């Protein structure tokens, strides 16, 4: 019998399948359904920093009138499904409803305010806490070093307030992601979640407004976490969670091979339904059996940069080969066109 178990944040999990923070976990009945379908743990939807500072004034935007124009887009506490107290109650109810680990999520950009709720989340019974740090630096005078320091400050502040194992969910856009990962690892993070989706706005040409544009991820998004998990595996002690692009069993296999401890998913469940978890678990088990692997742990890291036959595939050499391959595709395409058209 193939062993699908893994370990994440110091938690023993039945499989690598972990639904990430999403609307799917806003309802206790759906949390139960996630467990019934095979989720080995669940990350609850996030409590946002804006909910913790509902009485704070909105940020000033200068004197060009943009503050007044942007005011309708600023979320108020009433815009969220529930407030901080409701979130804590949701954590308590989720823990009572399921046997799998429940991972709470705080989403914000500053160190202040998180510590109090980290303590209360621990008291509510959460098994771990994910710090989802979503910030887009737009100040040209803010250095990359200060941006990275904010991540470390948040981790240390929350770590000082709770004994819960902490994960940090990262953007991929850093000058040296490997360096930041190492510093977070040294500061005591128990897991890194790679990566946070970068939601980019669109423009409504009729309304003349910048508007949100939410697109569910596809398998194509897999390459980014695959690359960086493969690079970081064995170089830090923290667990590595892959987030983005997990839709088919083969996606899970690839991420486990480069060193992921868990494969988180959201878009595929929202697209295919919660029962898709069973399909993924069965597909992973079938692949391991067909290729004569005894366990997930035996597979993990076998194709990481430390262990794969060609470590340069994770670096510039891969880029050069990809560029040359693209040139060949262009040449082949032109030749095919010439043959078809006689030009």
C-alpha atoms as a PDB file:
ATOM      1  CA  UNK A   1       0.000   0.000   0.000  1.00  0.00           C
ATOM      2  CA  UNK A   2       1.400   3.387  -1.024  1.00  0.00           C
ATOM      3  CA  UNK A   3       1.943   5.810   1.868  1.00  0.00           C
ATOM      4  CA  UNK A   4       0.643   9.285   0.936  1.00  0.00           C
ATOM      5  CA  UNK A   5       1.433  10.891   4.294  1.00  0.00           C
ATOM      6  CA  UNK A   6       3.576  13.994   4.670  1.00  0.00           C
ATOM      7  CA  UNK A   7       4.505  16.563   7.302  1.00  0.00           C
ATOM      8  CA  UNK A   8       3.789  20.289   7.194  1.00  0.00           C
ATOM      9  CA  UNK A   9       4.300  22.902   9.913  1.00  0.00           C
ATOM     10  CA  UNK A  10       5.188  20.037  12.228  1.00  0.00           C
ATOM     11  CA  UNK A  11       1.753  18.506  11.599  1.00  0.00           C
ATOM     12  CA  UNK A  12       1.380  14.915  10.431  1.00  0.00           C
ATOM     13  CA  UNK A  13      -0.919  14.934   7.395  1.00  0.00           C
ATOM     14  CA  UNK A  14      -2.608  12.006   5.664  1.00  0.00           C
ATOM     15  CA  UNK A  15      -1.870  13.368   2.161  1.00  0.00           C
ATOM     16  CA  UNK A  16      -0.280  16.504   0.636  1.00  0.00           C
ATOM     17  CA  UNK A  17      -3.720  17.860  -0.340  1.00  0.00           C
ATOM     18  CA  UNK A  18      -4.450  21.101   1.546  1.00  0.00           C
ATOM     19  CA  UNK A  19      -7.127  23.560   0.382  1.00  0.00           C
ATOM     20  CA  UNK A  20      -5.725  27.086   0.657  1.00  0.00           C
ATOM     21  CA  UNK A  21      -7.494  30.143   2.050  1.00  0.00           C
ATOM     22  CA  UNK A  22     -10.584  30.786  -0.063  1.00  0.00           C
ATOM     23  CA  UNK A  23     -14.351  31.339   0.109  1.00  0.00           C
ATOM     24  CA  UNK A  24     -14.710  27.549   0.271  1.00  0.00           C
ATOM     25  CA  UNK A  25     -13.838  27.630   3.971  1.00  0.00           C
ATOM     26  CA  UNK A  26     -16.188  30.473   4.912  1.00  0.00           C
ATOM     27  CA  UNK A  27     -18.908  27.956   5.674  1.00  0.00           C
ATOM     28  CA  UNK A  28     -18.574  25.217   8.299  1.00  0.00           C
ATOM     29  CA  UNK A  29     -20.561  22.769   6.194  1.00  0.00           C
ATOM     30  CA  UNK A  30     -18.098  23.233   3.320  1.00  0.00           C
ATOM     31  CA  UNK A  31     -15.187  22.746   5.719  1.00  0.00           C
ATOM     32  CA  UNK A  32     -16.729  19.377   6.634  1.00  0.00           C
ATOM     33  CA  UNK A  33     -17.150  18.555   2.949  1.00  0.00           C
ATOM     34  CA  UNK A  34     -13.499  19.370   2.303  1.00  0.00           C
ATOM     35  CA  UNK A  35     -12.515  16.898   5.002  1.00  0.00           C
ATOM     36  CA  UNK A  36     -14.905  14.255   3.697  1.00  0.00           C
ATOM     37  CA  UNK A  37     -13.509  14.647   0.171  1.00  0.00           C
ATOM     38  CA  UNK A  38      -9.949  14.044   1.362  1.00  0.00           C
ATOM     39  CA  UNK A  39      -8.411  17.323   2.508  1.00  0.00           C
ATOM     40  CA  UNK A  40      -5.635  16.526   4.984  1.00  0.00           C
ATOM     41  CA  UNK A  41      -5.794  20.026   6.505  1.00  0.00           C
ATOM     42  CA  UNK A  42      -7.556  23.256   5.634  1.00  0.00           C
ATOM     43  CA  UNK A  43      -6.418  26.872   5.594  1.00  0.00           C
ATOM     44  CA  UNK A  44      -9.364  29.027   6.607  1.00  0.00           C
ATOM     45  CA  UNK A  45     -10.170  32.137   4.609  1.00  0.00           C
ATOM     46  CA  UNK A  46      -8.229  35.157   5.800  1.00  0.00           C
ATOM     47  CA  UNK A  47      -8.884  37.706   8.497  1.00  0.00           C
ATOM     48  CA  UNK A  48      -7.728  40.971   6.904  1.00  0.00           C
ATOM     49  CA  UNK A  49      -5.732  43.643   8.657  1.00  0.00           C
ATOM     50  CA  UNK A  50      -8.309  46.177   7.463  1.00  0.00           C
ATOM     51  CA  UNK A  51     -10.859  44.388   9.633  1.00  0.00           C
ATOM     52  CA  UNK A  52      -8.641  44.894  12.674  1.00  0.00           C
ATOM     53  CA  UNK A  53      -8.415  48.651  12.117  1.00  0.00           C
ATOM     54  CA  UNK A  54     -11.939  49.451  11.109  1.00  0.00           C
ATOM     55  CA  UNK A  55     -11.918  52.706  13.035  1.00  0.00           C
ATOM     56  CA  UNK A  56      -8.701  53.953  11.444  1.00  0.00           C
ATOM     57  CA  UNK A  57      -8.801  56.772   8.884  1.00  0.00           C
ATOM     58  CA  UNK A  58      -8.128  55.779   5.281  1.00  0.00           C
ATOM     59  CA  UNK A  59      -4.626  56.558   4.013  1.00  0.00           C
ATOM     60  CA  UNK A  60      -4.011  60.000   2.612  1.00  0.00           C
ATOM     61  CA  UNK A  61      -3.402  60.178  -1.113  1.00  0.00           C
ATOM     62  CA  UNK A  62      -1.979  63.665  -1.492  1.00  0.00           C
ATOM     63  CA  UNK A  63      -3.548  66.832  -2.823  1.00  0.00           C
ATOM     64  CA  UNK A  64      -4.410  65.838  -6.385  1.00  0.00           C
ATOM     65  CA  UNK A  65      -7.965  64.789  -5.648  1.00  0.00           C
ATOM     66  CA  UNK A  66      -7.277  61.068  -5.912  1.00  0.00           C
ATOM     67  CA  UNK A  67      -8.335  60.496  -2.307  1.00  0.00           C
ATOM     68  CA  UNK A  68     -11.913  61.510  -2.992  1.00  0.00           C
ATOM     69  CA  UNK A  69     -12.052  59.470  -6.183  1.00  0.00           C
ATOM     70  CA  UNK A  70     -10.681  56.356  -4.504  1.00  0.00           C
ATOM     71  CA  UNK A  71     -12.879  56.539  -1.417  1.00  0.00           C
ATOM     72  CA  UNK A  72     -15.674  54.325  -2.864  1.00  0.00           C
ATOM     73  CA  UNK A  73     -13.137  51.541  -3.381  1.00  0.00           C
ATOM     74  CA  UNK A  74     -11.903  51.506   0.219  1.00  0.00           C
ATOM     75  CA  UNK A  75     -13.353  48.512   2.025  1.00  0.00           C
ATOM     76  CA  UNK A  76     -15.109  49.153   5.305  1.00  0.00           C
ATOM     77  CA  UNK A  77     -15.674  46.598   8.110  1.00  0.00           C
ATOM     78  CA  UNK A  78     -19.257  46.109   6.897  1.00  0.00           C
ATOM     79  CA  UNK A  79     -17.914  44.921   3.518  1.00  0.00           C
ATOM     80  CA  UNK A  80     -16.437  41.783   5.057  1.00  0.00           C
ATOM     81  CA  UNK A  81     -18.402  38.631   5.785  1.00  0.00           C
ATOM     82  CA  UNK A  82     -17.660  38.801   9.498  1.00  0.00           C
ATOM     83  CA  UNK A  83     -15.562  40.829  11.914  1.00  0.00           C
ATOM     84  CA  UNK A  84     -12.630  39.711  14.067  1.00  0.00           C
ATOM     85  CA  UNK A  85     -14.832  38.219  16.774  1.00  0.00           C
ATOM     86  CA  UNK A  86     -16.822  36.331  14.192  1.00  0.00           C
ATOM     87  CA  UNK A  87     -13.604  34.982  12.697  1.00  0.00           C
ATOM     88  CA  UNK A  88     -12.448  33.678  16.072  1.00  0.00           C
ATOM     89  CA  UNK A  89     -15.799  31.957  16.526  1.00  0.00           C
ATOM     90  CA  UNK A  90     -15.421  30.477  13.044  1.00  0.00           C
ATOM     91  CA  UNK A  91     -12.043  29.018  14.042  1.00  0.00           C
ATOM     92  CA  UNK A  92     -13.603  27.477  17.158  1.00  0.00           C
ATOM     93  CA  UNK A  93     -16.506  25.989  15.213  1.00  0.00           C
ATOM     94  CA  UNK A  94     -14.215  24.610  12.506  1.00  0.00           C
ATOM     95  CA  UNK A  95     -12.061  22.877  15.108  1.00  0.00           C
ATOM     96  CA  UNK A  96     -15.163  21.303  16.640  1.00  0.00           C
ATOM     97  CA  UNK A  97     -16.492  20.227  13.244  1.00  0.00           C
ATOM     98  CA  UNK A  98     -13.487  18.416  11.750  1.00  0.00           C
ATOM     99  CA  UNK A  99     -10.624  16.184  12.854  1.00  0.00           C
ATOM    100  CA  UNK A 100      -8.075  17.514  10.344  1.00  0.00           C
ATOM    101  CA  UNK A 101      -5.746  20.398  11.307  1.00  0.00           C
ATOM    102  CA  UNK A 102      -7.254  23.867  10.944  1.00  0.00           C
ATOM    103  CA  UNK A 103      -4.821  26.580   9.853  1.00  0.00           C
ATOM    104  CA  UNK A 104      -5.974  30.151  10.394  1.00  0.00           C
ATOM    105  CA  UNK A 105      -4.867  32.958   8.091  1.00  0.00           C
ATOM    106  CA  UNK A 106      -4.033  36.606   8.756  1.00  0.00           C
ATOM    107  CA  UNK A 107      -3.735  38.846   5.702  1.00  0.00           C
ATOM    108  CA  UNK A 108      -2.001  42.184   6.058  1.00  0.00           C
ATOM    109  CA  UNK A 109       1.008  44.398   5.449  1.00  0.00           C
ATOM    110  CA  UNK A 110       2.205  45.783   8.809  1.00  0.00           C
ATOM    111  CA  UNK A 111       3.440  44.310  12.069  1.00  0.00           C
ATOM    112  CA  UNK A 112       1.095  46.237  14.346  1.00  0.00           C
ATOM    113  CA  UNK A 113      -2.273  44.771  15.281  1.00  0.00           C
ATOM    114  CA  UNK A 114      -1.544  41.186  14.285  1.00  0.00           C
ATOM    115  CA  UNK A 115      -0.098  40.090  17.596  1.00  0.00           C
ATOM    116  CA  UNK A 116      -3.290  40.464  19.627  1.00  0.00           C
ATOM    117  CA  UNK A 117      -5.314  38.407  17.170  1.00  0.00           C
ATOM    118  CA  UNK A 118      -2.576  35.832  16.767  1.00  0.00           C
ATOM    119  CA  UNK A 119      -2.934  35.157  20.478  1.00  0.00           C
ATOM    120  CA  UNK A 120      -6.710  34.945  20.244  1.00  0.00           C
ATOM    121  CA  UNK A 121      -6.529  32.670  17.205  1.00  0.00           C
ATOM    122  CA  UNK A 122      -4.333  30.326  19.225  1.00  0.00           C
ATOM    123  CA  UNK A 123      -6.819  30.433  22.097  1.00  0.00           C
ATOM    124  CA  UNK A 124      -9.629  29.661  19.637  1.00  0.00           C
ATOM    125  CA  UNK A 125      -7.915  26.364  18.909  1.00  0.00           C
ATOM    126  CA  UNK A 126      -6.182  26.793  15.545  1.00  0.00           C
ATOM    127  CA  UNK A 127      -3.406  24.287  14.864  1.00  0.00           C
ATOM    128  CA  UNK A 128      -1.224  26.772  12.973  1.00  0.00           C
ATOM    129  CA  UNK A 129      -1.270  30.260  11.499  1.00  0.00           C
ATOM    130  CA  UNK A 130      -0.505  31.444   7.979  1.00  0.00           C
ATOM    131  CA  UNK A 131       0.661  35.049   7.597  1.00  0.00           C
ATOM    132  CA  UNK A 132      -0.456  36.142   4.154  1.00  0.00           C
ATOM    133  CA  UNK A 133       1.560  39.299   3.472  1.00  0.00           C
ATOM    134  CA  UNK A 134       0.072  41.000   0.415  1.00  0.00           C
ATOM    135  CA  UNK A 135       1.679  44.339  -0.328  1.00  0.00           C
ATOM    136  CA  UNK A 136       2.553  46.090  -3.577  1.00  0.00           C
ATOM    137  CA  UNK A 137       5.315  48.637  -2.888  1.00  0.00           C
ATOM    138  CA  UNK A 138       4.708  51.771  -4.956  1.00  0.00           C
ATOM    139  CA  UNK A 139       6.898  54.267  -3.104  1.00  0.00           C
ATOM    140  CA  UNK A 140      10.018  54.879  -5.245  1.00  0.00           C
ATOM    141  CA  UNK A 141      11.921  55.891  -2.112  1.00  0.00           C
ATOM    142  CA  UNK A 142      11.249  52.574  -0.370  1.00  0.00           C
ATOM    143  CA  UNK A 143      14.254  50.304  -0.790  1.00  0.00           C
ATOM    144  CA  UNK A 144      14.054  46.572  -1.379  1.00  0.00           C
ATOM    145  CA  UNK A 145      15.876  46.035   1.912  1.00  0.00           C
ATOM    146  CA  UNK A 146      13.123  47.838   3.825  1.00  0.00           C
ATOM    147  CA  UNK A 147      10.433  45.881   1.999  1.00  0.00           C
ATOM    148  CA  UNK A 148      12.055  42.601   3.025  1.00  0.00           C
ATOM    149  CA  UNK A 149      12.568  43.856   6.564  1.00  0.00           C
ATOM    150  CA  UNK A 150       8.799  44.315   6.874  1.00  0.00           C
ATOM    151  CA  UNK A 151       8.331  40.578   6.291  1.00  0.00           C
ATOM    152  CA  UNK A 152      10.853  39.771   9.003  1.00  0.00           C
ATOM    153  CA  UNK A 153       9.299  42.295  11.402  1.00  0.00           C
ATOM    154  CA  UNK A 154       5.835  40.776  10.916  1.00  0.00           C
ATOM    155  CA  UNK A 155       7.141  37.249  11.457  1.00  0.00           C
ATOM    156  CA  UNK A 156       9.018  38.197  14.628  1.00  0.00           C
ATOM    157  CA  UNK A 157       6.089  40.176  16.034  1.00  0.00           C
ATOM    158  CA  UNK A 158       3.609  37.349  15.506  1.00  0.00           C
ATOM    159  CA  UNK A 159       6.109  34.722  16.656  1.00  0.00           C
ATOM    160  CA  UNK A 160       6.622  36.604  19.924  1.00  0.00           C
ATOM    161  CA  UNK A 161       2.886  36.586  20.570  1.00  0.00           C
ATOM    162  CA  UNK A 162       2.004  32.951  19.894  1.00  0.00           C
ATOM    163  CA  UNK A 163       3.430  29.470  20.100  1.00  0.00           C
ATOM    164  CA  UNK A 164       1.535  28.375  16.996  1.00  0.00           C
ATOM    165  CA  UNK A 165       3.695  27.141  14.104  1.00  0.00           C
ATOM    166  CA  UNK A 166       3.815  29.983  11.577  1.00  0.00           C
ATOM    167  CA  UNK A 167       3.804  29.956   7.798  1.00  0.00           C
ATOM    168  CA  UNK A 168       4.506  33.009   5.637  1.00  0.00           C
ATOM    169  CA  UNK A 169       2.898  33.280   2.227  1.00  0.00           C
ATOM    170  CA  UNK A 170       5.228  35.139  -0.140  1.00  0.00           C
ATOM    171  CA  UNK A 171       5.168  37.045  -3.399  1.00  0.00           C
ATOM    172  CA  UNK A 172       7.733  35.826  -5.940  1.00  0.00           C
ATOM    173  CA  UNK A 173       8.953  39.357  -6.688  1.00  0.00           C
ATOM    174  CA  UNK A 174      12.075  39.932  -4.617  1.00  0.00           C
ATOM    175  CA  UNK A 175      15.599  40.915  -5.620  1.00  0.00           C
ATOM    176  CA  UNK A 176      16.903  37.680  -4.104  1.00  0.00           C
ATOM    177  CA  UNK A 177      14.102  35.392  -2.989  1.00  0.00           C
ATOM    178  CA  UNK A 178      16.549  32.726  -1.807  1.00  0.00           C
ATOM    179  CA  UNK A 179      18.153  35.206   0.581  1.00  0.00           C
ATOM    180  CA  UNK A 180      14.806  36.324   2.031  1.00  0.00           C
ATOM    181  CA  UNK A 181      13.726  32.702   2.426  1.00  0.00           C
ATOM    182  CA  UNK A 182      16.908  31.937   4.348  1.00  0.00           C
ATOM    183  CA  UNK A 183      16.440  34.968   6.632  1.00  0.00           C
ATOM    184  CA  UNK A 184      12.830  34.006   7.359  1.00  0.00           C
ATOM    185  CA  UNK A 185      13.987  30.457   8.044  1.00  0.00           C
ATOM    186  CA  UNK A 186      16.609  31.720  10.485  1.00  0.00           C
ATOM    187  CA  UNK A 187      13.973  33.911  12.171  1.00  0.00           C
ATOM    188  CA  UNK A 188      11.905  30.827  12.960  1.00  0.00           C
ATOM    189  CA  UNK A 189       9.292  30.476  10.239  1.00  0.00           C
ATOM    190  CA  UNK A 190       7.998  26.898  10.099  1.00  0.00           C
ATOM    191  CA  UNK A 191       6.812  27.021   6.487  1.00  0.00           C
ATOM    192  CA  UNK A 192       6.906  29.125   3.340  1.00  0.00           C
ATOM    193  CA  UNK A 193       3.919  29.157   1.004  1.00  0.00           C
ATOM    194  CA  UNK A 194       4.988  29.779  -2.588  1.00  0.00           C
ATOM    195  CA  UNK A 195       3.295  31.839  -3.937  1.00  0.00           C
ATOM    196  CA  UNK A 196       0.691  34.495  -3.333  1.00  0.00           C
ATOM    197  CA  UNK A 197      -1.369  35.293  -6.423  1.00  0.00           C
ATOM    198  CA  UNK A 198      -0.548  38.705  -7.887  1.00  0.00           C
ATOM    199  CA  UNK A 199      -3.979  40.115  -8.700  1.00  0.00           C
ATOM    200  CA  UNK A 200      -3.652  42.762 -11.404  1.00  0.00           C
ATOM    201  CA  UNK A 201      -6.428  45.230 -12.166  1.00  0.00           C
ATOM    202  CA  UNK A 202      -8.125  45.832 -15.488  1.00  0.00           C
ATOM    203  CA  UNK A 203      -9.640  48.986 -16.984  1.00  0.00           C
ATOM    204  CA  UNK A 204     -13.351  49.339 -17.687  1.00  0.00           C
ATOM    205  CA  UNK A 205     -13.350  51.385 -20.895  1.00  0.00           C
ATOM    206  CA  UNK A 206     -17.004  52.400 -20.601  1.00  0.00           C
ATOM    207  CA  UNK A 207     -17.058  53.332 -16.925  1.00  0.00           C
ATOM    208  CA  UNK A 208     -13.517  54.748 -17.129  1.00  0.00           C
ATOM    209  CA  UNK A 209     -12.564  52.944 -13.940  1.00  0.00           C
ATOM    210  CA  UNK A 210      -9.817  50.631 -12.794  1.00  0.00           C
ATOM    211  CA  UNK A 211     -11.546  47.447 -11.669  1.00  0.00           C
ATOM    212  CA  UNK A 212     -10.575  44.150 -10.032  1.00  0.00           C
ATOM    213  CA  UNK A 213      -9.880  41.249 -12.343  1.00  0.00           C
ATOM    214  CA  UNK A 214      -9.966  37.838 -10.671  1.00  0.00           C
ATOM    215  CA  UNK A 215      -8.913  34.916 -12.859  1.00  0.00           C
ATOM    216  CA  UNK A 216      -8.738  31.355 -11.580  1.00  0.00           C
ATOM    217  CA  UNK A 217      -5.256  29.902 -11.946  1.00  0.00           C
ATOM    218  CA  UNK A 218      -4.485  27.075 -14.368  1.00  0.00           C
ATOM    219  CA  UNK A 219      -1.719  24.498 -14.651  1.00  0.00           C
ATOM    220  CA  UNK A 220       0.451  27.107 -16.385  1.00  0.00           C
ATOM    221  CA  UNK A 221       0.878  28.818 -12.987  1.00  0.00           C
ATOM    222  CA  UNK A 222       2.678  25.713 -11.729  1.00  0.00           C
ATOM    223  CA  UNK A 223       6.090  26.655 -13.137  1.00  0.00           C
ATOM    224  CA  UNK A 224       6.798  29.477 -10.688  1.00  0.00           C
ATOM    225  CA  UNK A 225       6.376  27.531  -7.416  1.00  0.00           C
ATOM    226  CA  UNK A 226       7.984  24.497  -9.056  1.00  0.00           C
ATOM    227  CA  UNK A 227      11.113  26.511  -9.869  1.00  0.00           C
ATOM    228  CA  UNK A 228      11.579  28.077  -6.453  1.00  0.00           C
ATOM    229  CA  UNK A 229      10.645  25.050  -4.372  1.00  0.00           C
ATOM    230  CA  UNK A 230      13.191  23.116  -6.398  1.00  0.00           C
ATOM    231  CA  UNK A 231      15.822  25.736  -5.619  1.00  0.00           C
ATOM    232  CA  UNK A 232      15.027  26.070  -1.905  1.00  0.00           C
ATOM    233  CA  UNK A 233      14.578  22.394  -1.068  1.00  0.00           C
ATOM    234  CA  UNK A 234      17.358  21.223   1.242  1.00  0.00           C
ATOM    235  CA  UNK A 235      18.688  24.750   1.714  1.00  0.00           C
ATOM    236  CA  UNK A 236      16.236  25.778   4.430  1.00  0.00           C
ATOM    237  CA  UNK A 237      14.643  23.791   7.229  1.00  0.00           C
ATOM    238  CA  UNK A 238      11.152  25.271   6.862  1.00  0.00           C
ATOM    239  CA  UNK A 239       8.399  23.288   5.167  1.00  0.00           C
ATOM    240  CA  UNK A 240       7.596  24.247   1.571  1.00  0.00           C
ATOM    241  CA  UNK A 241       4.008  24.560   0.400  1.00  0.00           C
ATOM    242  CA  UNK A 242       3.219  24.882  -3.303  1.00  0.00           C
ATOM    243  CA  UNK A 243       0.355  27.222  -4.120  1.00  0.00           C
ATOM    244  CA  UNK A 244      -0.824  27.894  -7.658  1.00  0.00           C
ATOM    245  CA  UNK A 245      -1.458  25.684 -10.665  1.00  0.00           C
ATOM    246  CA  UNK A 246      -2.434  22.434  -8.931  1.00  0.00           C
ATOM    247  CA  UNK A 247      -5.206  21.008 -11.078  1.00  0.00           C
ATOM    248  CA  UNK A 248      -4.208  17.454 -12.063  1.00  0.00           C
ATOM    249  CA  UNK A 249      -2.439  14.554 -10.293  1.00  0.00           C
ATOM    250  CA  UNK A 250       0.645  15.106 -12.468  1.00  0.00           C
ATOM    251  CA  UNK A 251       0.880  18.660 -11.081  1.00  0.00           C
ATOM    252  CA  UNK A 252       1.109  17.254  -7.570  1.00  0.00           C
ATOM    253  CA  UNK A 253       3.745  14.714  -8.592  1.00  0.00           C
ATOM    254  CA  UNK A 254       5.946  17.400 -10.155  1.00  0.00           C
ATOM    255  CA  UNK A 255       5.746  19.649  -7.088  1.00  0.00           C
ATOM    256  CA  UNK A 256       6.472  16.791  -4.719  1.00  0.00           C
ATOM    257  CA  UNK A 257       9.446  15.777  -6.850  1.00  0.00           C
ATOM    258  CA  UNK A 258      11.032  19.224  -6.545  1.00  0.00           C
ATOM    259  CA  UNK A 259      10.503  19.197  -2.780  1.00  0.00           C
ATOM    260  CA  UNK A 260       7.038  20.410  -1.807  1.00  0.00           C
ATOM    261  CA  UNK A 261       5.686  19.103   1.497  1.00  0.00           C
ATOM    262  CA  UNK A 262       2.103  19.959   0.563  1.00  0.00           C
ATOM    263  CA  UNK A 263       0.296  20.998  -2.592  1.00  0.00           C
ATOM    264  CA  UNK A 264      -2.282  23.669  -1.849  1.00  0.00           C
ATOM    265  CA  UNK A 265      -5.193  24.300  -4.144  1.00  0.00           C
ATOM    266  CA  UNK A 266      -8.075  26.679  -4.543  1.00  0.00           C
ATOM    267  CA  UNK A 267      -8.904  27.482  -8.184  1.00  0.00           C
ATOM    268  CA  UNK A 268      -9.262  23.836  -9.232  1.00  0.00           C
ATOM    269  CA  UNK A 269     -11.767  23.226  -6.415  1.00  0.00           C
ATOM    270  CA  UNK A 270     -13.743  26.336  -7.302  1.00  0.00           C
ATOM    271  CA  UNK A 271     -13.709  25.258 -10.949  1.00  0.00           C
ATOM    272  CA  UNK A 272     -14.348  21.523 -10.516  1.00  0.00           C
ATOM    273  CA  UNK A 273     -16.005  21.253  -7.123  1.00  0.00           C
ATOM    274  CA  UNK A 274     -14.853  19.935  -3.757  1.00  0.00           C
ATOM    275  CA  UNK A 275     -15.089  16.313  -4.948  1.00  0.00           C
ATOM    276  CA  UNK A 276     -12.081  17.049  -7.193  1.00  0.00           C
ATOM    277  CA  UNK A 277      -9.965  16.301  -4.108  1.00  0.00           C
ATOM    278  CA  UNK A 278     -10.826  12.595  -4.422  1.00  0.00           C
ATOM    279  CA  UNK A 279      -9.787  12.565  -8.069  1.00  0.00           C
ATOM    280  CA  UNK A 280      -6.436  14.145  -7.190  1.00  0.00           C
ATOM    281  CA  UNK A 281      -5.754  11.749  -4.319  1.00  0.00           C
ATOM    282  CA  UNK A 282      -6.626   8.691  -6.379  1.00  0.00           C
ATOM    283  CA  UNK A 283      -4.549   9.977  -9.277  1.00  0.00           C
ATOM    284  CA  UNK A 284      -1.530  10.566  -7.056  1.00  0.00           C
ATOM    285  CA  UNK A 285      -1.833   7.074  -5.552  1.00  0.00           C
ATOM    286  CA  UNK A 286      -2.172   5.497  -9.003  1.00  0.00           C
ATOM    287  CA  UNK A 287       0.906   7.312 -10.320  1.00  0.00           C
ATOM    288  CA  UNK A 288       3.042   6.240  -7.383  1.00  0.00           C
ATOM    289  CA  UNK A 289       1.928   2.633  -7.695  1.00  0.00           C
ATOM    290  CA  UNK A 290       2.504   2.535 -11.450  1.00  0.00           C
ATOM    291  CA  UNK A 291       6.011   3.944 -11.050  1.00  0.00           C
ATOM    292  CA  UNK A 292       6.781   1.742  -8.032  1.00  0.00           C
ATOM    293  CA  UNK A 293       7.247   4.458  -5.437  1.00  0.00           C
ATOM    294  CA  UNK A 294       6.416   3.332  -1.925  1.00  0.00           C
ATOM    295  CA  UNK A 295       5.598   6.721  -0.431  1.00  0.00           C
ATOM    296  CA  UNK A 296       5.293  10.443  -0.977  1.00  0.00           C
ATOM    297  CA  UNK A 297       8.269  11.021   1.310  1.00  0.00           C
ATOM    298  CA  UNK A 298      10.434   8.774  -0.850  1.00  0.00           C
ATOM    299  CA  UNK A 299       9.507  10.911  -3.867  1.00  0.00           C
ATOM    300  CA  UNK A 300       9.964  14.320  -2.283  1.00  0.00           C
ATOM    301  CA  UNK A 301      12.996  16.281  -3.457  1.00  0.00           C
ATOM    302  CA  UNK A 302      14.197  13.728  -6.014  1.00  0.00           C
ATOM    303  CA  UNK A 303      14.091  16.378  -8.760  1.00  0.00           C
ATOM    304  CA  UNK A 304      15.136  19.368  -6.654  1.00  0.00           C
ATOM    305  CA  UNK A 305      18.207  21.327  -7.658  1.00  0.00           C
ATOM    306  CA  UNK A 306      20.244  19.408  -5.084  1.00  0.00           C
ATOM    307  CA  UNK A 307      19.323  16.013  -6.490  1.00  0.00           C
ATOM    308  CA  UNK A 308      18.251  16.250 -10.121  1.00  0.00           C
ATOM    309  CA  UNK A 309      20.629  15.069 -12.869  1.00  0.00           C
ATOM    310  CA  UNK A 310      21.017  18.618 -14.253  1.00  0.00           C
ATOM    311  CA  UNK A 311      21.091  21.265 -11.470  1.00  0.00           C
ATOM    312  CA  UNK A 312      21.683  24.041 -14.050  1.00  0.00           C
ATOM    313  CA  UNK A 313      18.106  23.471 -15.246  1.00  0.00           C
ATOM    314  CA  UNK A 314      17.029  25.747 -12.378  1.00  0.00           C
ATOM    315  CA  UNK A 315      19.395  28.563 -13.381  1.00  0.00           C
ATOM    316  CA  UNK A 316      20.505  30.632 -16.399  1.00  0.00           C
ATOM    317  CA  UNK A 317      21.389  27.569 -18.450  1.00  0.00           C
ATOM    318  CA  UNK A 318      17.713  26.631 -18.547  1.00  0.00           C
ATOM    319  CA  UNK A 319      16.886  30.144 -19.763  1.00  0.00           C
ATOM    320  CA  UNK A 320      19.438  29.898 -22.566  1.00  0.00           C
ATOM    321  CA  UNK A 321      18.143  26.511 -23.647  1.00  0.00           C
ATOM    322  CA  UNK A 322      14.559  27.794 -23.583  1.00  0.00           C
ATOM    323  CA  UNK A 323      15.477  30.798 -25.746  1.00  0.00           C
ATOM    324  CA  UNK A 324      17.294  28.607 -28.254  1.00  0.00           C
ATOM    325  CA  UNK A 325      14.339  26.237 -28.270  1.00  0.00           C
ATOM    326  CA  UNK A 326      11.973  29.121 -28.997  1.00  0.00           C
ATOM    327  CA  UNK A 327      14.205  30.189 -31.900  1.00  0.00           C
ATOM    328  CA  UNK A 328      13.986  26.669 -33.303  1.00  0.00           C
ATOM    329  CA  UNK A 329      10.202  26.765 -33.042  1.00  0.00           C
ATOM    330  CA  UNK A 330      10.175  30.029 -35.014  1.00  0.00           C
ATOM    331  CA  UNK A 331      12.441  28.568 -37.712  1.00  0.00           C
ATOM    332  CA  UNK A 332      10.387  25.378 -37.924  1.00  0.00           C
ATOM    333  CA  UNK A 333       7.190  27.382 -38.125  1.00  0.00           C
ATOM    334  CA  UNK A 334       8.498  29.499 -41.007  1.00  0.00           C
ATOM    335  CA  UNK A 335       9.644  26.398 -42.865  1.00  0.00           C
ATOM    336  CA  UNK A 336       6.226  24.802 -42.426  1.00  0.00           C
ATOM    337  CA  UNK A 337       4.570  27.976 -43.709  1.00  0.00           C
ATOM    338  CA  UNK A 338       6.854  28.040 -46.765  1.00  0.00           C
ATOM    339  CA  UNK A 339       6.023  24.424 -47.596  1.00  0.00           C
ATOM    340  CA  UNK A 340       2.275  24.989 -47.209  1.00  0.00           C
ATOM    341  CA  UNK A 341       2.099  28.210 -49.186  1.00  0.00           C
ATOM    342  CA  UNK A 342       4.922  27.715 -51.664  1.00  0.00           C
ATOM    343  CA  UNK A 343       6.306  31.154 -50.773  1.00  0.00           C
END
